[in-house]
C-alpha atoms as a PDB file:
ATOM      1  CA  MET A   1     128.675 101.306 109.279  1.00  0.00           C
ATOM      2  CA  GLU A   2     129.904 103.205 106.212  1.00  0.00           C
ATOM      3  CA  LEU A   3     127.803 106.296 105.471  1.00  0.00           C
ATOM      4  CA  GLY A   4     127.746 108.229 102.245  1.00  0.00           C
ATOM      5  CA  ILE A   5     125.931 110.102  99.485  1.00  0.00           C
ATOM      6  CA  TYR A   6     124.799 109.142  96.040  1.00  0.00           C
ATOM      7  CA  THR A   7     123.408 111.323  93.209  1.00  0.00           C
ATOM      8  CA  PHE A   8     122.080 111.163  89.753  1.00  0.00           C
ATOM      9  CA  ALA A   9     123.008 114.876  89.297  1.00  0.00           C
ATOM     10  CA  ASP A  10     119.511 115.955  88.382  1.00  0.00           C
ATOM     11  CA  VAL A  11     119.421 118.951  86.098  1.00  0.00           C
ATOM     12  CA  GLN A  12     116.923 121.273  84.422  1.00  0.00           C
ATOM     13  CA  PRO A  13     117.393 120.614  80.721  1.00  0.00           C
ATOM     14  CA  ASP A  14     118.488 123.686  78.743  1.00  0.00           C
ATOM     15  CA  ARG A  15     116.591 122.705  75.595  1.00  0.00           C
ATOM     16  CA  VAL A  16     118.634 125.282  73.664  1.00  0.00           C
ATOM     17  CA  ALA A  17     120.626 123.918  70.652  1.00  0.00           C
ATOM     18  CA  GLY A  18     124.327 123.998  71.316  1.00  0.00           C
ATOM     19  CA  LYS A  19     124.005 125.185  74.868  1.00  0.00           C
ATOM     20  CA  ALA A  20     124.309 123.369  78.200  1.00  0.00           C
ATOM     21  CA  PHE A  21     124.672 126.068  80.814  1.00  0.00           C
ATOM     22  CA  ASN A  22     122.551 124.251  83.381  1.00  0.00           C
ATOM     23  CA  THR A  23     124.594 121.076  82.952  1.00  0.00           C
ATOM     24  CA  HIS A  24     127.791 123.074  83.269  1.00  0.00           C
ATOM     25  CA  GLN A  25     126.619 124.560  86.524  1.00  0.00           C
ATOM     26  CA  ARG A  26     125.345 121.221  87.842  1.00  0.00           C
ATOM     27  CA  VAL A  27     128.670 119.556  87.282  1.00  0.00           C
ATOM     28  CA  LYS A  28     130.502 122.339  89.112  1.00  0.00           C
ATOM     29  CA  ASP A  29     127.982 122.030  91.993  1.00  0.00           C
ATOM     30  CA  LEU A  30     128.505 118.288  92.058  1.00  0.00           C
ATOM     31  CA  MET A  31     132.219 118.611  92.490  1.00  0.00           C
ATOM     32  CA  GLU A  32     131.571 120.930  95.479  1.00  0.00           C
ATOM     33  CA  GLU A  33     129.157 118.417  96.983  1.00  0.00           C
ATOM     34  CA  ILE A  34     131.762 115.638  96.677  1.00  0.00           C
ATOM     35  CA  GLN A  35     134.466 117.709  98.253  1.00  0.00           C
ATOM     36  CA  LEU A  36     132.169 118.606 101.164  1.00  0.00           C
ATOM     37  CA  ALA A  37     131.234 115.055 101.752  1.00  0.00           C
ATOM     38  CA  ASP A  38     134.933 114.180 102.006  1.00  0.00           C
ATOM     39  CA  GLN A  39     135.617 117.084 104.305  1.00  0.00           C
ATOM     40  CA  VAL A  40     132.806 116.169 106.779  1.00  0.00           C
ATOM     41  CA  GLY A  41     134.103 112.589 107.050  1.00  0.00           C
ATOM     42  CA  LEU A  42     131.642 110.650 104.978  1.00  0.00           C
ATOM     43  CA  ASP A  43     132.889 107.322 103.685  1.00  0.00           C
ATOM     44  CA  VAL A  44     131.429 107.074 100.113  1.00  0.00           C
ATOM     45  CA  PHE A  45     130.242 109.239  97.296  1.00  0.00           C
ATOM     46  CA  ALA A  46     128.563 107.541  94.373  1.00  0.00           C
ATOM     47  CA  VAL A  47     127.457 108.994  91.000  1.00  0.00           C
ATOM     48  CA  GLY A  48     124.785 107.527  88.770  1.00  0.00           C
ATOM     49  CA  GLU A  49     124.755 106.905  85.024  1.00  0.00           C
ATOM     50  CA  HIS A  50     121.965 108.134  82.875  1.00  0.00           C
ATOM     51  CA  HIS A  51     121.450 109.032  79.266  1.00  0.00           C
ATOM     52  CA  ARG A  52     118.616 111.504  79.570  1.00  0.00           C
ATOM     53  CA  PRO A  53     118.290 115.319  79.323  1.00  0.00           C
ATOM     54  CA  ASP A  54     117.212 115.591  83.011  1.00  0.00           C
ATOM     55  CA  TYR A  55     120.506 114.115  84.432  1.00  0.00           C
ATOM     56  CA  ALA A  56     124.012 115.657  84.010  1.00  0.00           C
ATOM     57  CA  VAL A  57     126.177 112.490  84.168  1.00  0.00           C
ATOM     58  CA  SER A  58     126.378 109.830  81.537  1.00  0.00           C
ATOM     59  CA  ALA A  59     130.093 109.060  82.182  1.00  0.00           C
ATOM     60  CA  PRO A  60     130.524 108.584  85.871  1.00  0.00           C
ATOM     61  CA  THR A  61     134.185 107.685  85.698  1.00  0.00           C
ATOM     62  CA  VAL A  62     135.034 111.128  84.338  1.00  0.00           C
ATOM     63  CA  ILE A  63     133.360 112.787  87.341  1.00  0.00           C
ATOM     64  CA  LEU A  64     135.004 110.329  89.690  1.00  0.00           C
ATOM     65  CA  GLY A  65     138.412 110.894  88.215  1.00  0.00           C
ATOM     66  CA  ALA A  66     137.993 114.566  88.675  1.00  0.00           C
ATOM     67  CA  ALA A  67     136.792 113.935  92.270  1.00  0.00           C
ATOM     68  CA  ALA A  68     139.861 111.778  92.986  1.00  0.00           C
ATOM     69  CA  ALA A  69     142.010 114.812  92.394  1.00  0.00           C
ATOM     70  CA  VAL A  70     140.209 117.029  94.914  1.00  0.00           C
ATOM     71  CA  THR A  71     139.372 114.570  97.689  1.00  0.00           C
ATOM     72  CA  LYS A  72     141.510 112.720 100.232  1.00  0.00           C
ATOM     73  CA  LYS A  73     139.721 109.800 101.859  1.00  0.00           C
ATOM     74  CA  ILE A  74     136.199 109.261 100.544  1.00  0.00           C
ATOM     75  CA  LYS A  75     135.500 106.167  98.378  1.00  0.00           C
ATOM     76  CA  LEU A  76     134.311 106.932  94.833  1.00  0.00           C
ATOM     77  CA  SER A  77     131.736 104.697  93.264  1.00  0.00           C
ATOM     78  CA  SER A  78     129.149 104.562  90.474  1.00  0.00           C
ATOM     79  CA  ALA A  79     125.464 104.413  91.367  1.00  0.00           C
ATOM     80  CA  VAL A  80     124.982 102.495  89.125  1.00  0.00           C
ATOM     81  CA  THR A  81     127.083 101.370  86.140  1.00  0.00           C
ATOM     82  CA  VAL A  82     124.463 100.142  83.733  1.00  0.00           C
ATOM     83  CA  LEU A  83     126.503  97.040  82.886  1.00  0.00           C
ATOM     84  CA  GLY A  84     124.162  95.506  80.313  1.00  0.00           C
ATOM     85  CA  SER A  85     124.844  98.326  77.846  1.00  0.00           C
ATOM     86  CA  GLU A  86     128.498  98.785  78.714  1.00  0.00           C
ATOM     87  CA  ASP A  87     131.691  96.978  77.642  1.00  0.00           C
ATOM     88  CA  PRO A  88     133.005  95.262  80.788  1.00  0.00           C
ATOM     89  CA  VAL A  89     136.630  95.638  79.571  1.00  0.00           C
ATOM     90  CA  ARG A  90     136.263  99.460  79.255  1.00  0.00           C
ATOM     91  CA  VAL A  91     134.348  99.568  82.540  1.00  0.00           C
ATOM     92  CA  PHE A  92     137.226  97.860  84.349  1.00  0.00           C
ATOM     93  CA  GLN A  93     139.923  99.950  82.638  1.00  0.00           C
ATOM     94  CA  GLN A  94     138.174 103.227  83.485  1.00  0.00           C
ATOM     95  CA  PHE A  95     137.562 102.292  87.113  1.00  0.00           C
ATOM     96  CA  ALA A  96     141.082 101.010  87.442  1.00  0.00           C
ATOM     97  CA  THR A  97     142.324 104.344  86.248  1.00  0.00           C
ATOM     98  CA  VAL A  98     140.094 106.138  88.821  1.00  0.00           C
ATOM     99  CA  ASP A  99     141.510 103.751  91.397  1.00  0.00           C
ATOM    100  CA  GLN A 100     145.075 104.798  90.457  1.00  0.00           C
ATOM    101  CA  LEU A 101     144.175 108.445  90.603  1.00  0.00           C
ATOM    102  CA  SER A 102     142.603 108.066  94.020  1.00  0.00           C
ATOM    103  CA  ASP A 103     145.205 105.777  95.652  1.00  0.00           C
ATOM    104  CA  GLY A 104     142.765 102.907  95.831  1.00  0.00           C
ATOM    105  CA  ARG A 105     139.379 104.519  96.568  1.00  0.00           C
ATOM    106  CA  ALA A 106     137.384 103.424  93.502  1.00  0.00           C
ATOM    107  CA  GLU A 107     134.465 101.051  93.508  1.00  0.00           C
ATOM    108  CA  ILE A 108     131.913  99.747  90.977  1.00  0.00           C
ATOM    109  CA  MET A 109     128.297  99.450  91.819  1.00  0.00           C
ATOM    110  CA  ALA A 110     126.914  97.357  88.910  1.00  0.00           C
ATOM    111  CA  GLY A 111     123.189  97.042  88.064  1.00  0.00           C
ATOM    112  CA  ARG A 112     120.601  96.857  85.440  1.00  0.00           C
ATOM    113  CA  GLY A 113     119.603 100.490  85.694  1.00  0.00           C
ATOM    114  CA  SER A 114     116.186 102.028  86.202  1.00  0.00           C
ATOM    115  CA  PHE A 115     115.996 103.505  82.668  1.00  0.00           C
ATOM    116  CA  ILE A 116     116.523 101.821  79.342  1.00  0.00           C
ATOM    117  CA  GLU A 117     117.699 104.693  77.049  1.00  0.00           C
ATOM    118  CA  SER A 118     121.345 103.340  76.907  1.00  0.00           C
ATOM    119  CA  PHE A 119     120.301 100.072  75.257  1.00  0.00           C
ATOM    120  CA  PRO A 120     119.069 101.392  71.910  1.00  0.00           C
ATOM    121  CA  LEU A 121     121.696 104.161  72.146  1.00  0.00           C
ATOM    122  CA  PHE A 122     124.513 101.597  72.113  1.00  0.00           C
ATOM    123  CA  GLY A 123     122.850  99.151  69.797  1.00  0.00           C
ATOM    124  CA  TYR A 124     121.498  96.450  72.192  1.00  0.00           C
ATOM    125  CA  ASP A 125     118.140  94.760  71.906  1.00  0.00           C
ATOM    126  CA  LEU A 126     115.943  95.018  75.019  1.00  0.00           C
ATOM    127  CA  LYS A 127     114.757  91.484  74.618  1.00  0.00           C
ATOM    128  CA  ASP A 128     118.388  90.526  75.732  1.00  0.00           C
ATOM    129  CA  TYR A 129     118.206  92.706  78.867  1.00  0.00           C
ATOM    130  CA  ASP A 130     118.679  89.928  81.402  1.00  0.00           C
ATOM    131  CA  ARG A 131     121.198  87.839  79.414  1.00  0.00           C
ATOM    132  CA  LEU A 132     123.282  90.916  78.629  1.00  0.00           C
ATOM    133  CA  PHE A 133     123.612  91.738  82.327  1.00  0.00           C
ATOM    134  CA  GLU A 134     124.469  88.182  83.327  1.00  0.00           C
ATOM    135  CA  GLU A 135     127.119  87.692  80.675  1.00  0.00           C
ATOM    136  CA  LYS A 136     128.752  91.125  81.194  1.00  0.00           C
ATOM    137  CA  LEU A 137     128.805  90.735  84.954  1.00  0.00           C
ATOM    138  CA  ASP A 138     130.546  87.430  84.567  1.00  0.00           C
ATOM    139  CA  LEU A 139     133.206  88.985  82.322  1.00  0.00           C
ATOM    140  CA  LEU A 140     133.758  91.937  84.629  1.00  0.00           C
ATOM    141  CA  LEU A 141     134.323  89.701  87.631  1.00  0.00           C
ATOM    142  CA  LYS A 142     136.734  87.514  85.627  1.00  0.00           C
ATOM    143  CA  ILE A 143     138.771  90.568  84.503  1.00  0.00           C
ATOM    144  CA  ASN A 144     138.830  91.788  88.058  1.00  0.00           C
ATOM    145  CA  ALA A 145     140.263  88.457  89.295  1.00  0.00           C
ATOM    146  CA  SER A 146     142.732  87.767  86.538  1.00  0.00           C
ATOM    147  CA  GLU A 147     145.148  90.009  84.597  1.00  0.00           C
ATOM    148  CA  THR A 148     145.201  87.760  81.551  1.00  0.00           C
ATOM    149  CA  LEU A 149     142.297  85.668  80.302  1.00  0.00           C
ATOM    150  CA  SER A 150     140.404  84.209  77.398  1.00  0.00           C
ATOM    151  CA  TRP A 151     136.785  85.084  76.735  1.00  0.00           C
ATOM    152  CA  ARG A 152     133.961  83.740  74.623  1.00  0.00           C
ATOM    153  CA  GLY A 153     130.421  85.036  74.899  1.00  0.00           C
ATOM    154  CA  LYS A 154     127.362  85.902  72.823  1.00  0.00           C
ATOM    155  CA  PHE A 155     127.179  89.617  73.175  1.00  0.00           C
ATOM    156  CA  ARG A 156     130.767  90.745  73.054  1.00  0.00           C
ATOM    157  CA  PRO A 157     133.598  89.733  70.678  1.00  0.00           C
ATOM    158  CA  SER A 158     135.736  86.934  72.018  1.00  0.00           C
ATOM    159  CA  PHE A 159     139.456  87.223  72.777  1.00  0.00           C
ATOM    160  CA  SER A 160     142.193  84.791  73.697  1.00  0.00           C
ATOM    161  CA  GLU A 161     144.951  85.121  76.285  1.00  0.00           C
ATOM    162  CA  LEU A 162     144.962  88.904  76.396  1.00  0.00           C
ATOM    163  CA  GLY A 163     145.906  91.096  79.321  1.00  0.00           C
ATOM    164  CA  ILE A 164     143.529  93.836  80.624  1.00  0.00           C
ATOM    165  CA  TYR A 165     145.245  97.089  81.659  1.00  0.00           C
ATOM    166  CA  PRO A 166     145.715  99.151  83.669  1.00  0.00           C
ATOM    167  CA  ARG A 167     145.270  97.072  86.789  1.00  0.00           C
ATOM    168  CA  PRO A 168     143.831  98.894  89.849  1.00  0.00           C
ATOM    169  CA  TYR A 169     145.837 100.200  92.751  1.00  0.00           C
ATOM    170  CA  GLN A 170     143.893  97.845  95.064  1.00  0.00           C
ATOM    171  CA  SER A 171     144.412  94.118  94.502  1.00  0.00           C
ATOM    172  CA  GLN A 172     140.890  94.029  92.999  1.00  0.00           C
ATOM    173  CA  LEU A 173     138.202  96.624  92.509  1.00  0.00           C
ATOM    174  CA  PRO A 174     135.314  96.321  95.034  1.00  0.00           C
ATOM    175  CA  VAL A 175     132.250  95.397  92.987  1.00  0.00           C
ATOM    176  CA  TRP A 176     128.723  95.834  94.509  1.00  0.00           C
ATOM    177  CA  LEU A 177     125.581  94.509  92.950  1.00  0.00           C
ATOM    178  CA  ALA A 178     122.797  97.065  92.996  1.00  0.00           C
ATOM    179  CA  VAL A 179     119.293  95.606  93.169  1.00  0.00           C
ATOM    180  CA  GLY A 180     115.714  96.803  93.336  1.00  0.00           C
ATOM    181  CA  GLY A 181     113.904  94.017  95.137  1.00  0.00           C
ATOM    182  CA  THR A 182     113.786  91.127  92.670  1.00  0.00           C
ATOM    183  CA  PRO A 183     114.403  87.894  94.619  1.00  0.00           C
ATOM    184  CA  GLU A 184     116.656  86.462  91.823  1.00  0.00           C
ATOM    185  CA  SER A 185     118.959  89.441  92.241  1.00  0.00           C
ATOM    186  CA  ALA A 186     119.444  88.782  95.946  1.00  0.00           C
ATOM    187  CA  VAL A 187     120.253  85.145  95.268  1.00  0.00           C
ATOM    188  CA  ARG A 188     122.641  86.121  92.494  1.00  0.00           C
ATOM    189  CA  ALA A 189     124.519  88.526  94.688  1.00  0.00           C
ATOM    190  CA  ALA A 190     124.822  85.949  97.471  1.00  0.00           C
ATOM    191  CA  HIS A 191     125.988  83.110  95.162  1.00  0.00           C
ATOM    192  CA  LEU A 192     128.519  85.340  93.403  1.00  0.00           C
ATOM    193  CA  LYS A 193     129.776  86.454  96.921  1.00  0.00           C
ATOM    194  CA  LEU A 194     129.177  90.100  96.025  1.00  0.00           C
ATOM    195  CA  PRO A 195     128.083  92.846  98.382  1.00  0.00           C
ATOM    196  CA  MET A 196     124.457  93.852  97.668  1.00  0.00           C
ATOM    197  CA  ALA A 197     123.095  97.390  97.635  1.00  0.00           C
ATOM    198  CA  LEU A 198     119.324  97.670  97.951  1.00  0.00           C
ATOM    199  CA  ALA A 199     117.508 100.887  96.952  1.00  0.00           C
ATOM    200  CA  ILE A 200     114.495 101.519  99.114  1.00  0.00           C
ATOM    201  CA  ILE A 201     112.712 104.395  97.309  1.00  0.00           C
ATOM    202  CA  GLY A 202     109.149 103.369  97.862  1.00  0.00           C
ATOM    203  CA  GLY A 203     107.054 101.314 100.261  1.00  0.00           C
ATOM    204  CA  MET A 204     107.603 100.594 103.958  1.00  0.00           C
ATOM    205  CA  PRO A 205     111.149  99.497 104.838  1.00  0.00           C
ATOM    206  CA  ALA A 206     109.856  96.680 107.065  1.00  0.00           C
ATOM    207  CA  ASN A 207     108.401  95.006 103.924  1.00  0.00           C
ATOM    208  CA  PHE A 208     111.926  94.500 102.653  1.00  0.00           C
ATOM    209  CA  VAL A 209     113.049  92.318 105.565  1.00  0.00           C
ATOM    210  CA  PRO A 210     112.141  89.062 103.832  1.00  0.00           C
ATOM    211  CA  PHE A 211     114.213  90.179 100.760  1.00  0.00           C
ATOM    212  CA  ILE A 212     117.191  90.867 103.005  1.00  0.00           C
ATOM    213  CA  ASN A 213     116.805  87.563 104.780  1.00  0.00           C
ATOM    214  CA  LEU A 214     116.788  85.809 101.383  1.00  0.00           C
ATOM    215  CA  TYR A 215     120.156  87.431 100.595  1.00  0.00           C
ATOM    216  CA  LYS A 216     121.532  86.357 104.041  1.00  0.00           C
ATOM    217  CA  GLU A 217     120.178  82.832 103.813  1.00  0.00           C
ATOM    218  CA  SER A 218     121.452  82.426 100.283  1.00  0.00           C
ATOM    219  CA  ALA A 219     124.851  83.727 101.385  1.00  0.00           C
ATOM    220  CA  ARG A 220     124.919  81.220 104.348  1.00  0.00           C
ATOM    221  CA  GLU A 221     124.284  78.414 101.851  1.00  0.00           C
ATOM    222  CA  VAL A 222     127.551  79.184 100.011  1.00  0.00           C
ATOM    223  CA  GLY A 223     129.611  79.420 103.221  1.00  0.00           C
ATOM    224  CA  ARG A 224     129.508  83.140 103.907  1.00  0.00           C
ATOM    225  CA  ASP A 225     129.523  84.625 107.451  1.00  0.00           C
ATOM    226  CA  ILE A 226     126.231  86.541 107.564  1.00  0.00           C
ATOM    227  CA  ASN A 227     127.323  88.436 110.697  1.00  0.00           C
ATOM    228  CA  SER A 228     129.883  90.354 108.590  1.00  0.00           C
ATOM    229  CA  LEU A 229     128.020  90.326 105.310  1.00  0.00           C
ATOM    230  CA  PRO A 230     128.509  93.535 103.311  1.00  0.00           C
ATOM    231  CA  LEU A 231     125.019  94.965 102.753  1.00  0.00           C
ATOM    232  CA  GLY A 232     124.026  98.417 101.616  1.00  0.00           C
ATOM    233  CA  ILE A 233     120.785 100.366 101.821  1.00  0.00           C
ATOM    234  CA  ASN A 234     120.205 103.381  99.541  1.00  0.00           C
ATOM    235  CA  SER A 235     117.360 105.757 100.291  1.00  0.00           C
ATOM    236  CA  HIS A 236     116.103 109.342  99.727  1.00  0.00           C
ATOM    237  CA  VAL A 237     117.360 111.599 102.549  1.00  0.00           C
ATOM    238  CA  TYR A 238     117.183 115.300 103.302  1.00  0.00           C
ATOM    239  CA  VAL A 239     118.249 116.915 106.579  1.00  0.00           C
ATOM    240  CA  SER A 240     117.355 120.454 107.649  1.00  0.00           C
ATOM    241  CA  THR A 241     117.131 122.542 110.763  1.00  0.00           C
ATOM    242  CA  SER A 242     113.610 121.371 111.561  1.00  0.00           C
ATOM    243  CA  SER A 243     111.048 118.856 110.462  1.00  0.00           C
ATOM    244  CA  GLN A 244     108.872 121.426 108.881  1.00  0.00           C
ATOM    245  CA  ALA A 245     111.716 123.158 107.074  1.00  0.00           C
ATOM    246  CA  ALA A 246     112.910 119.858 105.651  1.00  0.00           C
ATOM    247  CA  ALA A 247     109.476 118.995 104.367  1.00  0.00           C
ATOM    248  CA  ASP A 248     108.851 122.439 102.886  1.00  0.00           C
ATOM    249  CA  GLU A 249     112.283 122.569 101.169  1.00  0.00           C
ATOM    250  CA  TYR A 250     112.274 119.036  99.859  1.00  0.00           C
ATOM    251  CA  TYR A 251     108.682 118.436  98.704  1.00  0.00           C
ATOM    252  CA  PRO A 252     108.463 120.732  95.659  1.00  0.00           C
ATOM    253  CA  THR A 253     111.410 119.408  93.704  1.00  0.00           C
ATOM    254  CA  TYR A 254     111.005 115.791  94.930  1.00  0.00           C
ATOM    255  CA  ALA A 255     107.367 115.715  93.902  1.00  0.00           C
ATOM    256  CA  ALA A 256     108.150 117.346  90.515  1.00  0.00           C
ATOM    257  CA  MET A 257     110.761 114.596  89.833  1.00  0.00           C
ATOM    258  CA  MET A 258     108.529 111.773  90.961  1.00  0.00           C
ATOM    259  CA  ASN A 259     105.589 113.014  88.973  1.00  0.00           C
ATOM    260  CA  ARG A 260     107.701 113.537  85.864  1.00  0.00           C
ATOM    261  CA  ILE A 261     108.880 109.914  86.033  1.00  0.00           C
ATOM    262  CA  GLY A 262     105.457 108.806  87.084  1.00  0.00           C
ATOM    263  CA  ARG A 263     103.859 110.211  83.905  1.00  0.00           C
ATOM    264  CA  GLU A 264     106.280 108.010  81.912  1.00  0.00           C
ATOM    265  CA  ARG A 265     105.558 104.916  83.925  1.00  0.00           C
ATOM    266  CA  GLY A 266     101.837 105.320  84.784  1.00  0.00           C
ATOM    267  CA  TRP A 267     102.213 106.215  88.465  1.00  0.00           C
ATOM    268  CA  PRO A 268      99.582 108.455  90.082  1.00  0.00           C
ATOM    269  CA  PRO A 269     100.723 111.972  91.095  1.00  0.00           C
ATOM    270  CA  LEU A 270     102.434 112.353  94.517  1.00  0.00           C
ATOM    271  CA  SER A 271     100.395 114.552  96.779  1.00  0.00           C
ATOM    272  CA  ARG A 272     101.654 116.406  99.845  1.00  0.00           C
ATOM    273  CA  GLU A 273      99.586 114.078 101.987  1.00  0.00           C
ATOM    274  CA  GLN A 274     101.308 110.987 100.546  1.00  0.00           C
ATOM    275  CA  PHE A 275     104.688 112.675 100.882  1.00  0.00           C
ATOM    276  CA  GLU A 276     103.995 113.329 104.650  1.00  0.00           C
ATOM    277  CA  ALA A 277     102.857 109.631 105.084  1.00  0.00           C
ATOM    278  CA  ASN A 278     106.090 108.379 103.423  1.00  0.00           C
ATOM    279  CA  ARG A 279     108.257 110.384 105.902  1.00  0.00           C
ATOM    280  CA  SER A 280     106.375 109.122 108.878  1.00  0.00           C
ATOM    281  CA  PRO A 281     108.541 107.261 111.509  1.00  0.00           C
ATOM    282  CA  LYS A 282     108.422 103.950 109.664  1.00  0.00           C
ATOM    283  CA  GLY A 283     108.109 105.274 106.058  1.00  0.00           C
ATOM    284  CA  TYR A 284     110.848 105.117 103.516  1.00  0.00           C
ATOM    285  CA  LEU A 285     111.510 108.919 103.176  1.00  0.00           C
ATOM    286  CA  MET A 286     114.259 110.140 105.560  1.00  0.00           C
ATOM    287  CA  VAL A 287     113.249 113.777 105.365  1.00  0.00           C
ATOM    288  CA  GLY A 288     113.315 115.748 108.575  1.00  0.00           C
ATOM    289  CA  SER A 289     115.369 117.245 111.425  1.00  0.00           C
ATOM    290  CA  VAL A 290     118.676 115.746 112.460  1.00  0.00           C
ATOM    291  CA  GLN A 291     116.967 113.675 115.209  1.00  0.00           C
ATOM    292  CA  GLN A 292     114.287 112.399 112.911  1.00  0.00           C
ATOM    293  CA  VAL A 293     116.841 111.167 110.373  1.00  0.00           C
ATOM    294  CA  ILE A 294     118.910 109.577 113.111  1.00  0.00           C
ATOM    295  CA  ASP A 295     115.798 107.802 114.470  1.00  0.00           C
ATOM    296  CA  LYS A 296     114.876 106.443 111.046  1.00  0.00           C
ATOM    297  CA  MET A 297     118.400 105.283 110.262  1.00  0.00           C
ATOM    298  CA  LEU A 298     118.567 103.424 113.583  1.00  0.00           C
ATOM    299  CA  TYR A 299     115.145 101.927 112.960  1.00  0.00           C
ATOM    300  CA  GLU A 300     116.339 100.600 109.574  1.00  0.00           C
ATOM    301  CA  TYR A 301     119.517  99.281 111.076  1.00  0.00           C
ATOM    302  CA  GLU A 302     117.496  97.239 113.490  1.00  0.00           C
ATOM    303  CA  LEU A 303     115.563  95.811 110.597  1.00  0.00           C
ATOM    304  CA  PHE A 304     118.495  95.040 108.292  1.00  0.00           C
ATOM    305  CA  HIS A 305     121.761  95.187 110.218  1.00  0.00           C
ATOM    306  CA  HIS A 306     123.391  96.628 107.117  1.00  0.00           C
ATOM    307  CA  THR A 307     127.009  97.744 106.869  1.00  0.00           C
ATOM    308  CA  ARG A 308     126.610 100.712 104.550  1.00  0.00           C
ATOM    309  CA  PHE A 309     123.996 103.400 104.001  1.00  0.00           C
ATOM    310  CA  LEU A 310     123.926 105.855 101.119  1.00  0.00           C
ATOM    311  CA  ALA A 311     121.707 108.925 101.027  1.00  0.00           C
ATOM    312  CA  GLN A 312     120.268 110.405  97.815  1.00  0.00           C
ATOM    313  CA  MET A 313     119.781 114.007  98.609  1.00  0.00           C
ATOM    314  CA  SER A 314     119.820 115.935  95.398  1.00  0.00           C
ATOM    315  CA  VAL A 315     116.534 114.517  94.045  1.00  0.00           C
ATOM    316  CA  GLY A 316     115.130 116.834  91.435  1.00  0.00           C
ATOM    317  CA  THR A 317     116.600 120.290  90.871  1.00  0.00           C
ATOM    318  CA  MET A 318     117.023 121.065  94.588  1.00  0.00           C
ATOM    319  CA  ASP A 319     118.798 124.255  95.563  1.00  0.00           C
ATOM    320  CA  HIS A 320     122.510 123.635  95.715  1.00  0.00           C
ATOM    321  CA  LYS A 321     123.038 125.591  98.971  1.00  0.00           C
ATOM    322  CA  LYS A 322     120.289 123.511 100.654  1.00  0.00           C
ATOM    323  CA  ILE A 323     122.008 120.270  99.524  1.00  0.00           C
ATOM    324  CA  LEU A 324     125.295 121.459 100.889  1.00  0.00           C
ATOM    325  CA  GLN A 325     123.604 122.246 104.265  1.00  0.00           C
ATOM    326  CA  SER A 326     122.027 118.774 104.278  1.00  0.00           C
ATOM    327  CA  ILE A 327     125.307 117.068 103.555  1.00  0.00           C
ATOM    328  CA  GLU A 328     127.007 118.990 106.348  1.00  0.00           C
ATOM    329  CA  LEU A 329     124.217 118.143 108.836  1.00  0.00           C
ATOM    330  CA  PHE A 330     124.373 114.487 107.681  1.00  0.00           C
ATOM    331  CA  GLY A 331     128.133 114.292 108.068  1.00  0.00           C
ATOM    332  CA  THR A 332     128.666 116.299 111.249  1.00  0.00           C
ATOM    333  CA  GLN A 333     125.477 115.501 113.296  1.00  0.00           C
ATOM    334  CA  VAL A 334     123.770 112.425 111.970  1.00  0.00           C
ATOM    335  CA  ALA A 335     126.791 110.238 111.072  1.00  0.00           C
ATOM    336  CA  PRO A 336     128.548 110.380 114.486  1.00  0.00           C
ATOM    337  CA  VAL A 337     125.452 109.227 116.414  1.00  0.00           C
ATOM    338  CA  VAL A 338     124.673 106.431 113.932  1.00  0.00           C
ATOM    339  CA  ARG A 339     128.248 105.169 113.906  1.00  0.00           C
ATOM    340  CA  LYS A 340     128.401 105.202 117.719  1.00  0.00           C
ATOM    341  CA  TYR A 341     125.159 103.306 117.989  1.00  0.00           C
ATOM    342  CA  VAL A 342     126.231 100.669 115.492  1.00  0.00           C
ATOM    343  CA  ALA A 343     129.667 100.226 117.009  1.00  0.00           C
ATOM    344  CA  GLU A 344     128.155  99.604 120.457  1.00  0.00           C
ATOM    345  CA  LYS A 345     125.738  96.918 119.221  1.00  0.00           C
ATOM    346  CA  LYS A 346     126.694  93.295 119.680  1.00  0.00           C
ATOM    347  CA  PRO A 347     127.030  91.129 116.502  1.00  0.00           C
ATOM    348  CA  VAL A 348     123.806  89.681 115.274  1.00  0.00           C
ATOM    349  CA  SER A 349     123.955  85.884 115.257  1.00  0.00           C
ATOM    350  CA  VAL A 350     120.546  85.145 113.621  1.00  0.00           C
ATOM    351  CA  LEU A 351     118.669  86.316 110.572  1.00  0.00           C
ATOM    352  CA  SER A 352     116.782  89.521 111.005  1.00  0.00           C
END
């Protein structure tokens, strides 16, 4: 199993005209987190795209390009590229450039995005939300497969027999489809023969088994081997020296972030009691000691038999030194045990 980190680079907005000191420090901290993840042997580091004052990254490929120069082995991905409000040609060119800089370590995680600020910002109508994503994903995949092509669509200017450059260092860029639990998304990923990454950031993981099975069954229908099907799970994770320390360190900023977004979306406030319930042995929050996080990761592996797991640690404005400690514990103590367990398991021949 591939193990890695993803982040949205949460930041405390400066709210001072012409100043962005907090963003400056957050970007510096982010580079240190990526370097550490590479040093402790993690497989993937992914960076989100947002267009809000509480997140530091709106241009993931700039961060990933910088990361390519200071890392050696770790794969570098978006998390996610909000494809509906992007130009697929530019997305491909930018990630192909990161791929060249990194000697073939770039990936794209394409999705609809959990926020909608980018659509009015770049002149798109939200009533076209679904059609924008479908058309632009189609174009991105065609560019990835063919150096020269013709294109005609509704939401982007057409072109005829033009080459798209630069090409990546790899023969093609790996493209993952990021989903949030909509059945149509699972079927789309399977039918397009794309790896699927599911974000479990609420609810009980066991409740997502039917969704994963839908992806696997849909993949089987188009001739894919479900025993080697690329499947990613993304979740909130924080590792500390003890269960109590993890909870006490993580809860304040996690709850502040969840409650801030909750006020926008009409969610009730997150209490400490709910937080503790969510980090129970079968809950979605992987917040605890090394052994607790190992146990929960193995529990989810038995549910899903996934091939990749990405941990979102820096949720809210968490202390940078604490995040570095969590990354180090995840890479040096959690990851070896999980990898060994998965490597010793026999291939699964039936749906979960």
